Amino acid sequence: MKSLGKTHWAGAEGHIPGWSHADSPELESHEALCILNTAEAPAHCRLTLYFTDREPAGPYKLEVGAQRTKHVRLNSLQEPEPVPRATDFAWALEADVPIVVQHTRLDSRQAANALMTAVPFSQD
């Protein structure tokens, strides 16, 4: 199969709530990037976060195996620094092979959870 996707992606909206209604990791409020790599080589990705009132964070280095998918919870990223909670941010992702990216958010601050998903902007 031909490699699908683009090498540059961006999401202008991000926010990880400072708390969750649920205690279980599955239902913890989070932001996630779902990455599909159809290429025959691993995708080496660099994620940078942008904020309203501070310098960018990153790059966070991610790898998606050849012909694999990876779901990355931004809450889980620790290096080079943890992603701040209760803070608005945007993001940009670069990859060395074409990938497809989907952005997902679970907001569980209420007992009735809300799930949002979007295909971010891409450009090559």
PDB file of N, CA and C in Angstrom:
ATOM      1  N   MET A   1       0.837  -1.181   0.000  1.00  0.00           N
ATOM      2  CA  MET A   1       0.000   0.000   0.000  1.00  0.00           C
ATOM      3  C   MET A   1       0.881   1.243   0.000  1.00  0.00           C
ATOM      4  N   LYS A   2       0.473   2.230  -0.746  1.00  0.00           N
ATOM      5  CA  LYS A   2       1.175   3.510  -0.757  1.00  0.00           C
ATOM      6  C   LYS A   2       1.030   4.173   0.609  1.00  0.00           C
ATOM      7  N   SER A   3       2.069   4.873   1.052  1.00  0.00           N
ATOM      8  CA  SER A   3       1.996   5.606   2.319  1.00  0.00           C
ATOM      9  C   SER A   3       0.900   6.655   2.257  1.00  0.00           C
ATOM     10  N   LEU A   4       0.060   6.678   3.254  1.00  0.00           N
ATOM     11  CA  LEU A   4      -1.031   7.652   3.335  1.00  0.00           C
ATOM     12  C   LEU A   4      -0.650   8.774   4.282  1.00  0.00           C
ATOM     13  N   GLY A   5      -1.174   9.973   4.027  1.00  0.00           N
ATOM     14  CA  GLY A   5      -1.049  11.050   4.984  1.00  0.00           C
ATOM     15  C   GLY A   5      -0.113  12.161   4.574  1.00  0.00           C
ATOM     16  N   LYS A   6       0.278  12.926   5.581  1.00  0.00           N
ATOM     17  CA  LYS A   6       1.136  14.100   5.434  1.00  0.00           C
ATOM     18  C   LYS A   6       2.216  14.032   6.509  1.00  0.00           C
ATOM     19  N   THR A   7       3.209  14.896   6.392  1.00  0.00           N
ATOM     20  CA  THR A   7       4.294  14.909   7.381  1.00  0.00           C
ATOM     21  C   THR A   7       4.180  16.046   8.391  1.00  0.00           C
ATOM     22  N   HIS A   8       3.276  16.989   8.171  1.00  0.00           N
ATOM     23  CA  HIS A   8       3.080  18.109   9.098  1.00  0.00           C
ATOM     24  C   HIS A   8       1.604  18.200   9.488  1.00  0.00           C
ATOM     25  N   TRP A   9       1.350  18.213  10.782  1.00  0.00           N
ATOM     26  CA  TRP A   9      -0.006  18.263  11.312  1.00  0.00           C
ATOM     27  C   TRP A   9      -0.080  19.304  12.428  1.00  0.00           C
ATOM     28  N   ALA A  10      -1.264  19.886  12.631  1.00  0.00           N
ATOM     29  CA  ALA A  10      -1.434  20.865  13.707  1.00  0.00           C
ATOM     30  C   ALA A  10      -2.851  20.828  14.238  1.00  0.00           C
ATOM     31  N   GLY A  11      -2.964  21.054  15.531  1.00  0.00           N
ATOM     32  CA  GLY A  11      -4.254  21.190  16.205  1.00  0.00           C
ATOM     33  C   GLY A  11      -4.254  22.488  16.986  1.00  0.00           C
ATOM     34  N   ALA A  12      -5.214  23.346  16.690  1.00  0.00           N
ATOM     35  CA  ALA A  12      -5.230  24.674  17.309  1.00  0.00           C
ATOM     36  C   ALA A  12      -5.911  24.692  18.668  1.00  0.00           C
ATOM     37  N   GLU A  13      -6.457  23.565  19.107  1.00  0.00           N
ATOM     38  CA  GLU A  13      -7.219  23.549  20.357  1.00  0.00           C
ATOM     39  C   GLU A  13      -6.834  22.339  21.175  1.00  0.00           C
ATOM     40  N   GLY A  14      -6.444  22.565  22.409  1.00  0.00           N
ATOM     41  CA  GLY A  14      -6.146  21.493  23.339  1.00  0.00           C
ATOM     42  C   GLY A  14      -6.372  21.955  24.761  1.00  0.00           C
ATOM     43  N   HIS A  15      -6.821  21.060  25.610  1.00  0.00           N
ATOM     44  CA  HIS A  15      -7.050  21.381  27.026  1.00  0.00           C
ATOM     45  C   HIS A  15      -7.267  20.069  27.779  1.00  0.00           C
ATOM     46  N   ILE A  16      -6.426  19.807  28.763  1.00  0.00           N
ATOM     47  CA  ILE A  16      -6.611  18.641  29.622  1.00  0.00           C
ATOM     48  C   ILE A  16      -7.180  19.153  30.939  1.00  0.00           C
ATOM     49  N   PRO A  17      -8.419  18.791  31.292  1.00  0.00           N
ATOM     50  CA  PRO A  17      -8.983  19.271  32.546  1.00  0.00           C
ATOM     51  C   PRO A  17      -8.100  18.921  33.746  1.00  0.00           C
ATOM     52  N   GLY A  18      -8.179  19.741  34.753  1.00  0.00           N
ATOM     53  CA  GLY A  18      -7.370  19.548  35.953  1.00  0.00           C
ATOM     54  C   GLY A  18      -7.836  18.407  36.835  1.00  0.00           C
ATOM     55  N   TRP A  19      -9.047  17.895  36.597  1.00  0.00           N
ATOM     56  CA  TRP A  19      -9.558  16.789  37.406  1.00  0.00           C
ATOM     57  C   TRP A  19     -10.570  16.008  36.573  1.00  0.00           C
ATOM     58  N   SER A  20     -10.911  14.823  37.063  1.00  0.00           N
ATOM     59  CA  SER A  20     -11.866  13.945  36.388  1.00  0.00           C
ATOM     60  C   SER A  20     -12.889  13.441  37.388  1.00  0.00           C
ATOM     61  N   HIS A  21     -14.064  13.138  36.882  1.00  0.00           N
ATOM     62  CA  HIS A  21     -15.107  12.553  37.723  1.00  0.00           C
ATOM     63  C   HIS A  21     -14.784  11.086  38.034  1.00  0.00           C
ATOM     64  N   ALA A  22     -14.150  10.421  37.083  1.00  0.00           N
ATOM     65  CA  ALA A  22     -13.844   8.996  37.216  1.00  0.00           C
ATOM     66  C   ALA A  22     -12.420   8.803  37.731  1.00  0.00           C
ATOM     67  N   ASP A  23     -12.215   7.738  38.486  1.00  0.00           N
ATOM     68  CA  ASP A  23     -10.892   7.422  39.014  1.00  0.00           C
ATOM     69  C   ASP A  23     -10.105   6.483  38.108  1.00  0.00           C
ATOM     70  N   SER A  24     -10.796   5.696  37.300  1.00  0.00           N
ATOM     71  CA  SER A  24     -10.099   4.688  36.497  1.00  0.00           C
ATOM     72  C   SER A  24      -9.333   5.347  35.361  1.00  0.00           C
ATOM     73  N   PRO A  25      -8.168   4.812  35.005  1.00  0.00           N
ATOM     74  CA  PRO A  25      -7.392   5.402  33.904  1.00  0.00           C
ATOM     75  C   PRO A  25      -8.165   5.460  32.590  1.00  0.00           C
ATOM     76  N   GLU A  26      -9.032   4.490  32.344  1.00  0.00           N
ATOM     77  CA  GLU A  26      -9.783   4.466  31.095  1.00  0.00           C
ATOM     78  C   GLU A  26     -10.697   5.678  30.954  1.00  0.00           C
ATOM     79  N   LEU A  27     -11.224   6.174  32.071  1.00  0.00           N
ATOM     80  CA  LEU A  27     -12.178   7.272  32.021  1.00  0.00           C
ATOM     81  C   LEU A  27     -11.603   8.590  32.538  1.00  0.00           C
ATOM     82  N   GLU A  28     -10.288   8.656  32.709  1.00  0.00           N
ATOM     83  CA  GLU A  28      -9.649   9.906  33.110  1.00  0.00           C
ATOM     84  C   GLU A  28      -9.718  10.891  31.947  1.00  0.00           C
ATOM     85  N   SER A  29     -10.026  12.152  32.241  1.00  0.00           N
ATOM     86  CA  SER A  29     -10.035  13.177  31.198  1.00  0.00           C
ATOM     87  C   SER A  29      -8.676  13.204  30.513  1.00  0.00           C
ATOM     88  N   HIS A  30      -8.702  13.291  29.172  1.00  0.00           N
ATOM     89  CA  HIS A  30      -7.438  13.295  28.447  1.00  0.00           C
ATOM     90  C   HIS A  30      -7.586  13.854  27.042  1.00  0.00           C
ATOM     91  N   GLU A  31      -6.460  14.191  26.469  1.00  0.00           N
ATOM     92  CA  GLU A  31      -6.312  14.511  25.057  1.00  0.00           C
ATOM     93  C   GLU A  31      -5.483  13.385  24.465  1.00  0.00           C
ATOM     94  N   ALA A  32      -5.774  12.977  23.249  1.00  0.00           N
ATOM     95  CA  ALA A  32      -5.005  11.912  22.611  1.00  0.00           C
ATOM     96  C   ALA A  32      -4.781  12.240  21.145  1.00  0.00           C
ATOM     97  N   LEU A  33      -3.624  11.834  20.654  1.00  0.00           N
ATOM     98  CA  LEU A  33      -3.345  11.857  19.225  1.00  0.00           C
ATOM     99  C   LEU A  33      -3.311  10.418  18.755  1.00  0.00           C
ATOM    100  N   CYS A  34      -4.147  10.097  17.797  1.00  0.00           N
ATOM    101  CA  CYS A  34      -4.197   8.759  17.217  1.00  0.00           C
ATOM    102  C   CYS A  34      -3.473   8.846  15.880  1.00  0.00           C
ATOM    103  N   ILE A  35      -2.381   8.085  15.760  1.00  0.00           N
ATOM    104  CA  ILE A  35      -1.494   8.210  14.612  1.00  0.00           C
ATOM    105  C   ILE A  35      -1.486   6.892  13.838  1.00  0.00           C
ATOM    106  N   LEU A  36      -1.702   6.985  12.525  1.00  0.00           N
ATOM    107  CA  LEU A  36      -1.660   5.830  11.638  1.00  0.00           C
ATOM    108  C   LEU A  36      -0.450   5.966  10.723  1.00  0.00           C
ATOM    109  N   ASN A  37       0.387   4.942  10.693  1.00  0.00           N
ATOM    110  CA  ASN A  37       1.546   4.912   9.815  1.00  0.00           C
ATOM    111  C   ASN A  37       1.393   3.729   8.857  1.00  0.00           C
ATOM    112  N   THR A  38       1.058   4.000   7.600  1.00  0.00           N
ATOM    113  CA  THR A  38       0.939   2.933   6.609  1.00  0.00           C
ATOM    114  C   THR A  38       2.248   2.703   5.853  1.00  0.00           C
ATOM    115  N   ALA A  39       3.278   3.476   6.145  1.00  0.00           N
ATOM    116  CA  ALA A  39       4.569   3.351   5.463  1.00  0.00           C
ATOM    117  C   ALA A  39       5.271   2.057   5.858  1.00  0.00           C
ATOM    118  N   GLU A  40       6.232   1.659   5.053  1.00  0.00           N
ATOM    119  CA  GLU A  40       7.017   0.458   5.339  1.00  0.00           C
ATOM    120  C   GLU A  40       8.201   0.746   6.249  1.00  0.00           C
ATOM    121  N   ALA A  41       8.286   1.969   6.763  1.00  0.00           N
ATOM    122  CA  ALA A  41       9.342   2.363   7.698  1.00  0.00           C
ATOM    123  C   ALA A  41       8.693   2.985   8.928  1.00  0.00           C
ATOM    124  N   PRO A  42       9.346   2.918  10.087  1.00  0.00           N
ATOM    125  CA  PRO A  42       8.809   3.573  11.283  1.00  0.00           C
ATOM    126  C   PRO A  42       8.687   5.081  11.063  1.00  0.00           C
ATOM    127  N   ALA A  43       7.722   5.687  11.726  1.00  0.00           N
ATOM    128  CA  ALA A  43       7.551   7.138  11.700  1.00  0.00           C
ATOM    129  C   ALA A  43       8.169   7.713  12.969  1.00  0.00           C
ATOM    130  N   HIS A  44       9.125   8.608  12.803  1.00  0.00           N
ATOM    131  CA  HIS A  44       9.737   9.315  13.927  1.00  0.00           C
ATOM    132  C   HIS A  44       9.093  10.698  13.973  1.00  0.00           C
ATOM    133  N   CYS A  45       8.396  10.982  15.064  1.00  0.00           N
ATOM    134  CA  CYS A  45       7.590  12.200  15.171  1.00  0.00           C
ATOM    135  C   CYS A  45       8.127  13.105  16.271  1.00  0.00           C
ATOM    136  N   ARG A  46       7.941  14.414  16.056  1.00  0.00           N
ATOM    137  CA  ARG A  46       8.307  15.434  17.041  1.00  0.00           C
ATOM    138  C   ARG A  46       7.077  16.297  17.289  1.00  0.00           C
ATOM    139  N   LEU A  47       6.613  16.303  18.539  1.00  0.00           N
ATOM    140  CA  LEU A  47       5.428  17.054  18.945  1.00  0.00           C
ATOM    141  C   LEU A  47       5.864  18.279  19.747  1.00  0.00           C
ATOM    142  N   THR A  48       5.347  19.450  19.356  1.00  0.00           N
ATOM    143  CA  THR A  48       5.604  20.686  20.089  1.00  0.00           C
ATOM    144  C   THR A  48       4.270  21.264  20.535  1.00  0.00           C
ATOM    145  N   LEU A  49       4.199  21.701  21.789  1.00  0.00           N
ATOM    146  CA  LEU A  49       2.997  22.322  22.348  1.00  0.00           C
ATOM    147  C   LEU A  49       3.197  23.823  22.441  1.00  0.00           C
ATOM    148  N   TYR A  50       2.143  24.587  22.141  1.00  0.00           N
ATOM    149  CA  TYR A  50       2.174  26.050  22.176  1.00  0.00           C
ATOM    150  C   TYR A  50       1.131  26.546  23.169  1.00  0.00           C
ATOM    151  N   PHE A  51       1.460  27.620  23.890  1.00  0.00           N
ATOM    152  CA  PHE A  51       0.617  28.129  24.963  1.00  0.00           C
ATOM    153  C   PHE A  51       0.331  29.616  24.779  1.00  0.00           C
ATOM    154  N   THR A  52      -0.635  30.111  25.524  1.00  0.00           N
ATOM    155  CA  THR A  52      -1.013  31.516  25.478  1.00  0.00           C
ATOM    156  C   THR A  52       0.037  32.413  26.110  1.00  0.00           C
ATOM    157  N   ASP A  53       0.609  31.958  27.221  1.00  0.00           N
ATOM    158  CA  ASP A  53       1.415  32.867  28.038  1.00  0.00           C
ATOM    159  C   ASP A  53       2.774  32.311  28.458  1.00  0.00           C
ATOM    160  N   ARG A  54       3.301  31.370  27.688  1.00  0.00           N
ATOM    161  CA  ARG A  54       4.626  30.832  27.996  1.00  0.00           C
ATOM    162  C   ARG A  54       5.267  30.283  26.731  1.00  0.00           C
ATOM    163  N   GLU A  55       6.532  29.964  26.829  1.00  0.00           N
ATOM    164  CA  GLU A  55       7.267  29.416  25.689  1.00  0.00           C
ATOM    165  C   GLU A  55       6.761  28.003  25.354  1.00  0.00           C
ATOM    166  N   PRO A  56       6.968  27.546  24.122  1.00  0.00           N
ATOM    167  CA  PRO A  56       6.527  26.202  23.744  1.00  0.00           C
ATOM    168  C   PRO A  56       7.213  25.108  24.563  1.00  0.00           C
ATOM    169  N   ALA A  57       6.573  23.954  24.616  1.00  0.00           N
ATOM    170  CA  ALA A  57       7.129  22.768  25.278  1.00  0.00           C
ATOM    171  C   ALA A  57       7.433  21.732  24.208  1.00  0.00           C
ATOM    172  N   GLY A  58       8.548  21.032  24.399  1.00  0.00           N
ATOM    173  CA  GLY A  58       8.899  19.988  23.453  1.00  0.00           C
ATOM    174  C   GLY A  58      10.302  20.186  22.929  1.00  0.00           C
ATOM    175  N   PRO A  59      10.685  19.383  21.984  1.00  0.00           N
ATOM    176  CA  PRO A  59       9.817  18.412  21.319  1.00  0.00           C
ATOM    177  C   PRO A  59       9.660  17.129  22.128  1.00  0.00           C
ATOM    178  N   TYR A  60       8.452  16.583  22.083  1.00  0.00           N
ATOM    179  CA  TYR A  60       8.168  15.250  22.604  1.00  0.00           C
ATOM    180  C   TYR A  60       8.428  14.300  21.439  1.00  0.00           C
ATOM    181  N   LYS A  61       9.235  13.299  21.657  1.00  0.00           N
ATOM    182  CA  LYS A  61       9.599  12.374  20.577  1.00  0.00           C
ATOM    183  C   LYS A  61       8.724  11.132  20.643  1.00  0.00           C
ATOM    184  N   LEU A  62       8.070  10.826  19.530  1.00  0.00           N
ATOM    185  CA  LEU A  62       7.162   9.684  19.435  1.00  0.00           C
ATOM    186  C   LEU A  62       7.597   8.822  18.259  1.00  0.00           C
ATOM    187  N   GLU A  63       7.414   7.526  18.369  1.00  0.00           N
ATOM    188  CA  GLU A  63       7.689   6.631  17.249  1.00  0.00           C
ATOM    189  C   GLU A  63       6.485   5.735  17.032  1.00  0.00           C
ATOM    190  N   VAL A  64       6.099   5.603  15.768  1.00  0.00           N
ATOM    191  CA  VAL A  64       5.008   4.708  15.375  1.00  0.00           C
ATOM    192  C   VAL A  64       5.617   3.699  14.414  1.00  0.00           C
ATOM    193  N   GLY A  65       5.496   2.425  14.744  1.00  0.00           N
ATOM    194  CA  GLY A  65       6.086   1.376  13.929  1.00  0.00           C
ATOM    195  C   GLY A  65       5.562   1.368  12.507  1.00  0.00           C
ATOM    196  N   ALA A  66       6.318   0.737  11.636  1.00  0.00           N
ATOM    197  CA  ALA A  66       5.906   0.598  10.241  1.00  0.00           C
ATOM    198  C   ALA A  66       4.583  -0.151  10.169  1.00  0.00           C
ATOM    199  N   GLN A  67       3.663   0.387   9.394  1.00  0.00           N
ATOM    200  CA  GLN A  67       2.342  -0.209   9.186  1.00  0.00           C
ATOM    201  C   GLN A  67       1.636  -0.500  10.512  1.00  0.00           C
ATOM    202  N   ARG A  68       1.701   0.482  11.409  1.00  0.00           N
ATOM    203  CA  ARG A  68       1.091   0.364  12.740  1.00  0.00           C
ATOM    204  C   ARG A  68       0.314   1.635  13.075  1.00  0.00           C
ATOM    205  N   THR A  69      -0.441   1.541  14.171  1.00  0.00           N
ATOM    206  CA  THR A  69      -1.126   2.695  14.728  1.00  0.00           C
ATOM    207  C   THR A  69      -0.676   2.866  16.172  1.00  0.00           C
ATOM    208  N   LYS A  70      -0.744   4.092  16.649  1.00  0.00           N
ATOM    209  CA  LYS A  70      -0.379   4.373  18.042  1.00  0.00           C
ATOM    210  C   LYS A  70      -1.307   5.460  18.566  1.00  0.00           C
ATOM    211  N   HIS A  71      -1.863   5.239  19.732  1.00  0.00           N
ATOM    212  CA  HIS A  71      -2.707   6.224  20.386  1.00  0.00           C
ATOM    213  C   HIS A  71      -1.900   6.786  21.551  1.00  0.00           C
ATOM    214  N   VAL A  72      -1.623   8.070  21.495  1.00  0.00           N
ATOM    215  CA  VAL A  72      -0.763   8.728  22.476  1.00  0.00           C
ATOM    216  C   VAL A  72      -1.609   9.651  23.331  1.00  0.00           C
ATOM    217  N   ARG A  73      -1.770   9.310  24.608  1.00  0.00           N
ATOM    218  CA  ARG A  73      -2.445  10.210  25.538  1.00  0.00           C
ATOM    219  C   ARG A  73      -1.462  11.297  25.946  1.00  0.00           C
ATOM    220  N   LEU A  74      -1.827  12.527  25.680  1.00  0.00           N
ATOM    221  CA  LEU A  74      -0.924  13.617  26.020  1.00  0.00           C
ATOM    222  C   LEU A  74      -0.709  13.714  27.527  1.00  0.00           C
ATOM    223  N   ASN A  75      -1.684  13.271  28.321  1.00  0.00           N
ATOM    224  CA  ASN A  75      -1.529  13.244  29.781  1.00  0.00           C
ATOM    225  C   ASN A  75      -0.318  12.419  30.196  1.00  0.00           C
ATOM    226  N   SER A  76       0.025  11.418  29.391  1.00  0.00           N
ATOM    227  CA  SER A  76       1.086  10.479  29.749  1.00  0.00           C
ATOM    228  C   SER A  76       2.480  10.989  29.407  1.00  0.00           C
ATOM    229  N   LEU A  77       2.579  12.007  28.594  1.00  0.00           N
ATOM    230  CA  LEU A  77       3.894  12.498  28.185  1.00  0.00           C
ATOM    231  C   LEU A  77       4.602  13.162  29.363  1.00  0.00           C
ATOM    232  N   GLN A  78       5.849  12.789  29.579  1.00  0.00           N
ATOM    233  CA  GLN A  78       6.622  13.322  30.706  1.00  0.00           C
ATOM    234  C   GLN A  78       7.907  14.018  30.276  1.00  0.00           C
ATOM    235  N   GLU A  79       8.470  13.635  29.134  1.00  0.00           N
ATOM    236  CA  GLU A  79       9.748  14.190  28.684  1.00  0.00           C
ATOM    237  C   GLU A  79       9.556  14.970  27.394  1.00  0.00           C
ATOM    238  N   PRO A  80       9.979  16.213  27.349  1.00  0.00           N
ATOM    239  CA  PRO A  80      10.895  16.873  28.260  1.00  0.00           C
ATOM    240  C   PRO A  80      10.242  17.477  29.501  1.00  0.00           C
ATOM    241  N   GLU A  81       8.899  17.522  29.554  1.00  0.00           N
ATOM    242  CA  GLU A  81       8.187  17.975  30.751  1.00  0.00           C
ATOM    243  C   GLU A  81       6.757  17.464  30.676  1.00  0.00           C
ATOM    244  N   PRO A  82       6.088  17.297  31.833  1.00  0.00           N
ATOM    245  CA  PRO A  82       4.680  16.874  31.789  1.00  0.00           C
ATOM    246  C   PRO A  82       3.819  17.935  31.100  1.00  0.00           C
ATOM    247  N   VAL A  83       2.795  17.480  30.400  1.00  0.00           N
ATOM    248  CA  VAL A  83       1.852  18.408  29.766  1.00  0.00           C
ATOM    249  C   VAL A  83       0.990  19.011  30.871  1.00  0.00           C
ATOM    250  N   PRO A  84       0.914  20.336  30.967  1.00  0.00           N
ATOM    251  CA  PRO A  84       0.162  20.954  32.067  1.00  0.00           C
ATOM    252  C   PRO A  84      -1.339  20.705  31.962  1.00  0.00           C
ATOM    253  N   ARG A  85      -1.971  20.552  33.105  1.00  0.00           N
ATOM    254  CA  ARG A  85      -3.424  20.377  33.201  1.00  0.00           C
ATOM    255  C   ARG A  85      -4.086  21.748  33.355  1.00  0.00           C
ATOM    256  N   ALA A  86      -5.353  21.804  33.012  1.00  0.00           N
ATOM    257  CA  ALA A  86      -6.163  23.016  33.160  1.00  0.00           C
ATOM    258  C   ALA A  86      -5.511  24.210  32.457  1.00  0.00           C
ATOM    259  N   THR A  87      -4.904  23.948  31.310  1.00  0.00           N
ATOM    260  CA  THR A  87      -4.184  24.972  30.555  1.00  0.00           C
ATOM    261  C   THR A  87      -4.499  24.801  29.066  1.00  0.00           C
ATOM    262  N   ASP A  88      -4.903  25.883  28.412  1.00  0.00           N
ATOM    263  CA  ASP A  88      -5.151  25.830  26.979  1.00  0.00           C
ATOM    264  C   ASP A  88      -3.833  25.694  26.226  1.00  0.00           C
ATOM    265  N   PHE A  89      -3.838  24.888  25.179  1.00  0.00           N
ATOM    266  CA  PHE A  89      -2.651  24.746  24.347  1.00  0.00           C
ATOM    267  C   PHE A  89      -3.052  24.386  22.923  1.00  0.00           C
ATOM    268  N   ALA A  90      -2.092  24.513  22.016  1.00  0.00           N
ATOM    269  CA  ALA A  90      -2.206  24.048  20.637  1.00  0.00           C
ATOM    270  C   ALA A  90      -0.984  23.177  20.390  1.00  0.00           C
ATOM    271  N   TRP A  91      -0.977  22.464  19.263  1.00  0.00           N
ATOM    272  CA  TRP A  91       0.140  21.555  19.025  1.00  0.00           C
ATOM    273  C   TRP A  91       0.485  21.477  17.548  1.00  0.00           C
ATOM    274  N   ALA A  92       1.744  21.097  17.294  1.00  0.00           N
ATOM    275  CA  ALA A  92       2.217  20.829  15.932  1.00  0.00           C
ATOM    276  C   ALA A  92       3.021  19.537  15.976  1.00  0.00           C
ATOM    277  N   LEU A  93       2.832  18.695  14.963  1.00  0.00           N
ATOM    278  CA  LEU A  93       3.485  17.397  14.902  1.00  0.00           C
ATOM    279  C   LEU A  93       4.165  17.261  13.541  1.00  0.00           C
ATOM    280  N   GLU A  94       5.441  16.901  13.561  1.00  0.00           N
ATOM    281  CA  GLU A  94       6.210  16.640  12.343  1.00  0.00           C
ATOM    282  C   GLU A  94       6.618  15.181  12.333  1.00  0.00           C
ATOM    283  N   ALA A  95       6.586  14.559  11.166  1.00  0.00           N
ATOM    284  CA  ALA A  95       7.008  13.162  11.025  1.00  0.00           C
ATOM    285  C   ALA A  95       7.942  13.038   9.832  1.00  0.00           C
ATOM    286  N   ASP A  96       8.798  12.017   9.858  1.00  0.00           N
ATOM    287  CA  ASP A  96       9.733  11.828   8.757  1.00  0.00           C
ATOM    288  C   ASP A  96       9.173  10.960   7.636  1.00  0.00           C
ATOM    289  N   VAL A  97       7.983  10.406   7.815  1.00  0.00           N
ATOM    290  CA  VAL A  97       7.237   9.729   6.753  1.00  0.00           C
ATOM    291  C   VAL A  97       5.792  10.205   6.841  1.00  0.00           C
ATOM    292  N   PRO A  98       5.013  10.103   5.773  1.00  0.00           N
ATOM    293  CA  PRO A  98       3.610  10.520   5.845  1.00  0.00           C
ATOM    294  C   PRO A  98       2.832   9.683   6.869  1.00  0.00           C
ATOM    295  N   ILE A  99       1.998  10.361   7.653  1.00  0.00           N
ATOM    296  CA  ILE A  99       1.133   9.724   8.649  1.00  0.00           C
ATOM    297  C   ILE A  99      -0.251  10.362   8.570  1.00  0.00           C
ATOM    298  N   VAL A 100      -1.218   9.709   9.198  1.00  0.00           N
ATOM    299  CA  VAL A 100      -2.567  10.264   9.365  1.00  0.00           C
ATOM    300  C   VAL A 100      -2.783  10.459  10.855  1.00  0.00           C
ATOM    301  N   VAL A 101      -3.342  11.617  11.244  1.00  0.00           N
ATOM    302  CA  VAL A 101      -3.516  11.945  12.660  1.00  0.00           C
ATOM    303  C   VAL A 101      -4.972  12.299  12.931  1.00  0.00           C
ATOM    304  N   GLN A 102      -5.468  11.811  14.051  1.00  0.00           N
ATOM    305  CA  GLN A 102      -6.783  12.189  14.552  1.00  0.00           C
ATOM    306  C   GLN A 102      -6.599  12.646  15.994  1.00  0.00           C
ATOM    307  N   HIS A 103      -7.319  13.693  16.377  1.00  0.00           N
ATOM    308  CA  HIS A 103      -7.224  14.280  17.719  1.00  0.00           C
ATOM    309  C   HIS A 103      -8.508  13.938  18.483  1.00  0.00           C
ATOM    310  N   THR A 104      -8.345  13.400  19.692  1.00  0.00           N
ATOM    311  CA  THR A 104      -9.502  12.993  20.495  1.00  0.00           C
ATOM    312  C   THR A 104      -9.393  13.561  21.900  1.00  0.00           C
ATOM    313  N   ARG A 105     -10.528  13.938  22.467  1.00  0.00           N
ATOM    314  CA  ARG A 105     -10.576  14.410  23.856  1.00  0.00           C
ATOM    315  C   ARG A 105     -11.704  13.701  24.592  1.00  0.00           C
ATOM    316  N   LEU A 106     -11.391  13.240  25.800  1.00  0.00           N
ATOM    317  CA  LEU A 106     -12.422  12.748  26.718  1.00  0.00           C
ATOM    318  C   LEU A 106     -12.460  13.712  27.888  1.00  0.00           C
ATOM    319  N   ASP A 107     -13.613  14.329  28.105  1.00  0.00           N
ATOM    320  CA  ASP A 107     -13.811  15.236  29.239  1.00  0.00           C
ATOM    321  C   ASP A 107     -14.740  14.544  30.220  1.00  0.00           C
ATOM    322  N   SER A 108     -14.191  14.093  31.338  1.00  0.00           N
ATOM    323  CA  SER A 108     -14.997  13.368  32.325  1.00  0.00           C
ATOM    324  C   SER A 108     -15.130  14.160  33.622  1.00  0.00           C
ATOM    325  N   ARG A 109     -15.217  15.479  33.507  1.00  0.00           N
ATOM    326  CA  ARG A 109     -15.430  16.286  34.711  1.00  0.00           C
ATOM    327  C   ARG A 109     -16.840  16.118  35.258  1.00  0.00           C
ATOM    328  N   GLN A 110     -17.746  15.597  34.456  1.00  0.00           N
ATOM    329  CA  GLN A 110     -19.108  15.308  34.909  1.00  0.00           C
ATOM    330  C   GLN A 110     -19.341  13.812  34.809  1.00  0.00           C
ATOM    331  N   ALA A 111     -20.373  13.320  35.476  1.00  0.00           N
ATOM    332  CA  ALA A 111     -20.697  11.896  35.404  1.00  0.00           C
ATOM    333  C   ALA A 111     -21.065  11.498  33.972  1.00  0.00           C
ATOM    334  N   ALA A 112     -21.694  12.416  33.232  1.00  0.00           N
ATOM    335  CA  ALA A 112     -22.014  12.170  31.826  1.00  0.00           C
ATOM    336  C   ALA A 112     -20.817  12.639  31.000  1.00  0.00           C
ATOM    337  N   ASN A 113     -20.017  11.704  30.518  1.00  0.00           N
ATOM    338  CA  ASN A 113     -18.780  12.027  29.813  1.00  0.00           C
ATOM    339  C   ASN A 113     -19.049  12.612  28.430  1.00  0.00           C
ATOM    340  N   ALA A 114     -18.095  13.403  27.966  1.00  0.00           N
ATOM    341  CA  ALA A 114     -18.166  13.962  26.616  1.00  0.00           C
ATOM    342  C   ALA A 114     -16.911  13.552  25.858  1.00  0.00           C
ATOM    343  N   LEU A 115     -17.096  13.023  24.633  1.00  0.00           N
ATOM    344  CA  LEU A 115     -15.979  12.634  23.785  1.00  0.00           C
ATOM    345  C   LEU A 115     -16.024  13.483  22.523  1.00  0.00           C
ATOM    346  N   MET A 116     -14.883  14.086  22.174  1.00  0.00           N
ATOM    347  CA  MET A 116     -14.777  14.915  20.991  1.00  0.00           C
ATOM    348  C   MET A 116     -13.639  14.365  20.147  1.00  0.00           C
ATOM    349  N   THR A 117     -13.833  14.343  18.835  1.00  0.00           N
ATOM    350  CA  THR A 117     -12.760  13.923  17.954  1.00  0.00           C
ATOM    351  C   THR A 117     -12.747  14.818  16.727  1.00  0.00           C
ATOM    352  N   ALA A 118     -11.554  15.041  16.176  1.00  0.00           N
ATOM    353  CA  ALA A 118     -11.412  15.899  15.018  1.00  0.00           C
ATOM    354  C   ALA A 118     -10.194  15.468  14.205  1.00  0.00           C
ATOM    355  N   VAL A 119     -10.255  15.712  12.916  1.00  0.00           N
ATOM    356  CA  VAL A 119      -9.073  15.532  12.070  1.00  0.00           C
ATOM    357  C   VAL A 119      -8.391  16.887  12.013  1.00  0.00           C
ATOM    358  N   PRO A 120      -7.142  16.969  12.466  1.00  0.00           N
ATOM    359  CA  PRO A 120      -6.449  18.250  12.505  1.00  0.00           C
ATOM    360  C   PRO A 120      -6.021  18.739  11.125  1.00  0.00           C
ATOM    361  N   PHE A 121      -5.480  19.927  11.072  1.00  0.00           N
ATOM    362  CA  PHE A 121      -4.953  20.523   9.855  1.00  0.00           C
ATOM    363  C   PHE A 121      -3.685  19.786   9.448  1.00  0.00           C
ATOM    364  N   SER A 122      -3.511  19.560   8.154  1.00  0.00           N
ATOM    365  CA  SER A 122      -2.288  18.925   7.669  1.00  0.00           C
ATOM    366  C   SER A 122      -1.765  19.688   6.453  1.00  0.00           C
ATOM    367  N   GLN A 123      -0.443  19.642   6.296  1.00  0.00           N
ATOM    368  CA  GLN A 123       0.177  20.350   5.174  1.00  0.00           C
ATOM    369  C   GLN A 123       1.526  19.724   4.874  1.00  0.00           C
ATOM    370  N   ASP A 124       1.874  19.696   3.619  1.00  0.00           N
ATOM    371  CA  ASP A 124       3.220  19.297   3.197  1.00  0.00           C
ATOM    372  C   ASP A 124       3.728  20.294   2.197  1.00  0.00           C
TER     373      ASP A 124
END
